Each structure stands twice: as C-alpha cells, then as structure tokens.
Amino acid sequence: MDSKLKIMIGAAVLAALAGCVETTGGGPSVNDGLSGSDAQFDAMTAPCINQAARMTGFPAKDINIAERIRTGGGALLVLDVGGQNLSCRSESDGSVTVFSEFAN
C-alpha cells in the first residue's frame, strides 16, 4: 500500500473517532442524570492534587488530571500520579477524597 493511501485511511479513521469522543466542555443539553460541571471540576482540581501529593509523596507539580468524569454521584477526577491512576471525588462538606481507582 503506498504512503498516500495509508495517510488517507489514517485521516479517515481519526475523523471517525473524533465523532465518538465526549468532553465535559459545556455539559449536556439534556438532563442525563449525571452531575459534574466545569466549575465543580475546576474547584476540585487544586485540593485533589494537593491531597494526592500528601498521600503519595509525589510532587504536586507533576500530578496531572487524566480525566474528568460526570457520574450519578457527582464529579470524579482521575489523577495521573507518576503513571498510577488515583480517583478524587468531592464530598458534601466541600472536602475532597483521593482513593485508588481500584477501591470503588
């Protein structure tokens, strides 16, 4: 297969996949029963990263948000802590809880 055909096939596959990706960009236009707004995710980010850094000893500056997930129970951040994924949820009192993704 020549390289131009490979490039065209690759571009078509990427375009098809792009239509399947869901983001938390402005939220859904229908009530889907899930919660987690951009404001909630933004408010959680620093406390979640700080708690994950204290919990693991990994530098906070090197912890990244891997995913923002809207759930029926509220916003859930997935943190990348040196290749290990940790989850973080907001509690009713405004605090956050960081836990292993396998703890659910």
C-alpha atoms as a PDB file:
ATOM      1  CA  MET A   1       0.000   0.000   0.000  1.00  0.00           C
ATOM      2  CA  ASP A   2       1.523   3.349  -0.930  1.00  0.00           C
ATOM      3  CA  SER A   3       2.040   6.084   1.653  1.00  0.00           C
ATOM      4  CA  LYS A   4      -0.638   8.449   0.264  1.00  0.00           C
ATOM      5  CA  LEU A   5      -3.295   5.775   0.642  1.00  0.00           C
ATOM      6  CA  LYS A   6      -2.122   4.993   4.183  1.00  0.00           C
ATOM      7  CA  ILE A   7      -2.346   8.683   5.093  1.00  0.00           C
ATOM      8  CA  MET A   8      -5.859   8.954   3.636  1.00  0.00           C
ATOM      9  CA  ILE A   9      -7.016   5.861   5.545  1.00  0.00           C
ATOM     10  CA  GLY A  10      -5.426   7.156   8.756  1.00  0.00           C
ATOM     11  CA  ALA A  11      -7.134  10.540   8.355  1.00  0.00           C
ATOM     12  CA  ALA A  12     -10.498   8.854   7.791  1.00  0.00           C
ATOM     13  CA  VAL A  13     -10.090   6.705  10.903  1.00  0.00           C
ATOM     14  CA  LEU A  14      -9.125   9.726  13.028  1.00  0.00           C
ATOM     15  CA  ALA A  15     -12.087  11.711  11.737  1.00  0.00           C
ATOM     16  CA  ALA A  16     -14.449   8.841  12.586  1.00  0.00           C
ATOM     17  CA  LEU A  17     -13.007   8.506  16.100  1.00  0.00           C
ATOM     18  CA  ALA A  18     -13.235  12.248  16.723  1.00  0.00           C
ATOM     19  CA  GLY A  19     -17.006  11.992  16.459  1.00  0.00           C
ATOM     20  CA  CYS A  20     -17.055   9.408  19.284  1.00  0.00           C
ATOM     21  CA  VAL A  21     -15.210  11.455  21.901  1.00  0.00           C
ATOM     22  CA  GLU A  22     -17.270  13.014  24.717  1.00  0.00           C
ATOM     23  CA  THR A  23     -15.907  16.007  26.586  1.00  0.00           C
ATOM     24  CA  THR A  24     -17.115  17.944  29.600  1.00  0.00           C
ATOM     25  CA  GLY A  25     -16.937  21.168  27.578  1.00  0.00           C
ATOM     26  CA  GLY A  26     -20.293  22.839  28.251  1.00  0.00           C
ATOM     27  CA  GLY A  27     -22.204  19.970  29.678  1.00  0.00           C
ATOM     28  CA  PRO A  28     -25.014  18.065  28.046  1.00  0.00           C
ATOM     29  CA  SER A  29     -28.062  19.815  26.699  1.00  0.00           C
ATOM     30  CA  VAL A  30     -30.390  17.201  28.210  1.00  0.00           C
ATOM     31  CA  ASN A  31     -30.837  16.005  31.778  1.00  0.00           C
ATOM     32  CA  ASP A  32     -28.973  12.689  31.654  1.00  0.00           C
ATOM     33  CA  GLY A  33     -28.923  12.158  35.436  1.00  0.00           C
ATOM     34  CA  LEU A  34     -25.179  12.769  35.663  1.00  0.00           C
ATOM     35  CA  SER A  35     -23.551  15.600  37.570  1.00  0.00           C
ATOM     36  CA  GLY A  36     -20.210  17.337  37.324  1.00  0.00           C
ATOM     37  CA  SER A  37     -19.926  20.842  35.910  1.00  0.00           C
ATOM     38  CA  ASP A  38     -16.801  22.602  34.678  1.00  0.00           C
ATOM     39  CA  ALA A  39     -16.991  24.807  37.798  1.00  0.00           C
ATOM     40  CA  GLN A  40     -17.102  21.750  40.077  1.00  0.00           C
ATOM     41  CA  PHE A  41     -14.136  20.151  38.311  1.00  0.00           C
ATOM     42  CA  ASP A  42     -12.166  23.406  38.447  1.00  0.00           C
ATOM     43  CA  ALA A  43     -12.897  23.858  42.176  1.00  0.00           C
ATOM     44  CA  MET A  44     -11.755  20.289  42.907  1.00  0.00           C
ATOM     45  CA  THR A  45      -8.521  20.325  40.929  1.00  0.00           C
ATOM     46  CA  ALA A  46      -6.124  22.011  43.401  1.00  0.00           C
ATOM     47  CA  PRO A  47      -7.437  20.255  46.542  1.00  0.00           C
ATOM     48  CA  CYS A  48      -7.364  16.868  44.779  1.00  0.00           C
ATOM     49  CA  ILE A  49      -3.812  17.356  43.529  1.00  0.00           C
ATOM     50  CA  ASN A  50      -2.654  18.569  46.955  1.00  0.00           C
ATOM     51  CA  GLN A  51      -4.232  15.615  48.744  1.00  0.00           C
ATOM     52  CA  ALA A  52      -2.780  13.142  46.224  1.00  0.00           C
ATOM     53  CA  ALA A  53       0.668  14.690  46.712  1.00  0.00           C
ATOM     54  CA  ARG A  54       0.393  14.350  50.515  1.00  0.00           C
ATOM     55  CA  MET A  55      -0.885  10.780  50.192  1.00  0.00           C
ATOM     56  CA  THR A  56       1.792   9.562  47.776  1.00  0.00           C
ATOM     57  CA  GLY A  57       4.773  11.837  48.401  1.00  0.00           C
ATOM     58  CA  PHE A  58       4.776  12.613  44.659  1.00  0.00           C
ATOM     59  CA  PRO A  59       5.385  16.312  43.813  1.00  0.00           C
ATOM     60  CA  ALA A  60       2.091  18.163  43.246  1.00  0.00           C
ATOM     61  CA  LYS A  61       3.548  19.958  40.221  1.00  0.00           C
ATOM     62  CA  ASP A  62       3.955  16.579  38.492  1.00  0.00           C
ATOM     63  CA  ILE A  63       0.406  15.339  39.114  1.00  0.00           C
ATOM     64  CA  ASN A  64      -1.915  15.713  36.135  1.00  0.00           C
ATOM     65  CA  ILE A  65      -5.645  15.450  35.569  1.00  0.00           C
ATOM     66  CA  ALA A  66      -6.094  12.408  33.344  1.00  0.00           C
ATOM     67  CA  GLU A  67      -9.866  12.550  33.074  1.00  0.00           C
ATOM     68  CA  ARG A  68     -12.970  14.429  34.217  1.00  0.00           C
ATOM     69  CA  ILE A  69     -15.891  12.049  34.676  1.00  0.00           C
ATOM     70  CA  ARG A  70     -19.506  13.040  35.251  1.00  0.00           C
ATOM     71  CA  THR A  71     -21.274  10.443  37.395  1.00  0.00           C
ATOM     72  CA  GLY A  72     -24.635   9.973  39.083  1.00  0.00           C
ATOM     73  CA  GLY A  73     -22.869  10.702  42.369  1.00  0.00           C
ATOM     74  CA  GLY A  74     -21.086  13.854  41.235  1.00  0.00           C
ATOM     75  CA  ALA A  75     -17.855  14.931  39.635  1.00  0.00           C
ATOM     76  CA  LEU A  76     -14.915  12.491  39.649  1.00  0.00           C
ATOM     77  CA  LEU A  77     -11.382  13.440  38.687  1.00  0.00           C
ATOM     78  CA  VAL A  78      -8.878  10.801  37.627  1.00  0.00           C
ATOM     79  CA  LEU A  79      -5.353  11.854  38.545  1.00  0.00           C
ATOM     80  CA  ASP A  80      -2.159  10.617  36.903  1.00  0.00           C
ATOM     81  CA  VAL A  81       0.372  10.319  39.717  1.00  0.00           C
ATOM     82  CA  GLY A  82       3.569   9.102  38.117  1.00  0.00           C
ATOM     83  CA  GLY A  83       1.750   6.544  35.994  1.00  0.00           C
ATOM     84  CA  GLN A  84      -0.588   5.427  38.792  1.00  0.00           C
ATOM     85  CA  ASN A  85      -4.219   6.473  38.498  1.00  0.00           C
ATOM     86  CA  LEU A  86      -5.988   7.789  41.580  1.00  0.00           C
ATOM     87  CA  SER A  87      -9.579   8.979  41.737  1.00  0.00           C
ATOM     88  CA  CYS A  88     -10.822  12.069  43.546  1.00  0.00           C
ATOM     89  CA  ARG A  89     -14.382  12.951  44.479  1.00  0.00           C
ATOM     90  CA  SER A  90     -15.937  15.949  46.177  1.00  0.00           C
ATOM     91  CA  GLU A  91     -17.684  15.339  49.497  1.00  0.00           C
ATOM     92  CA  SER A  92     -20.885  17.008  50.704  1.00  0.00           C
ATOM     93  CA  ASP A  93     -18.931  19.181  53.167  1.00  0.00           C
ATOM     94  CA  GLY A  94     -16.786  20.598  50.345  1.00  0.00           C
ATOM     95  CA  SER A  95     -13.707  18.494  51.095  1.00  0.00           C
ATOM     96  CA  VAL A  96     -12.246  16.008  48.627  1.00  0.00           C
ATOM     97  CA  THR A  97     -11.284  12.348  48.954  1.00  0.00           C
ATOM     98  CA  VAL A  98      -8.488  10.751  46.932  1.00  0.00           C
ATOM     99  CA  PHE A  99      -8.513   6.980  46.595  1.00  0.00           C
ATOM    100  CA  SER A 100      -7.146   4.189  44.446  1.00  0.00           C
ATOM    101  CA  GLU A 101      -9.135   3.645  41.265  1.00  0.00           C
ATOM    102  CA  PHE A 102      -9.487   0.024  42.370  1.00  0.00           C
ATOM    103  CA  ALA A 103     -11.139   0.976  45.671  1.00  0.00           C
ATOM    104  CA  ASN A 104     -14.589   1.502  44.154  1.00  0.00           C
END
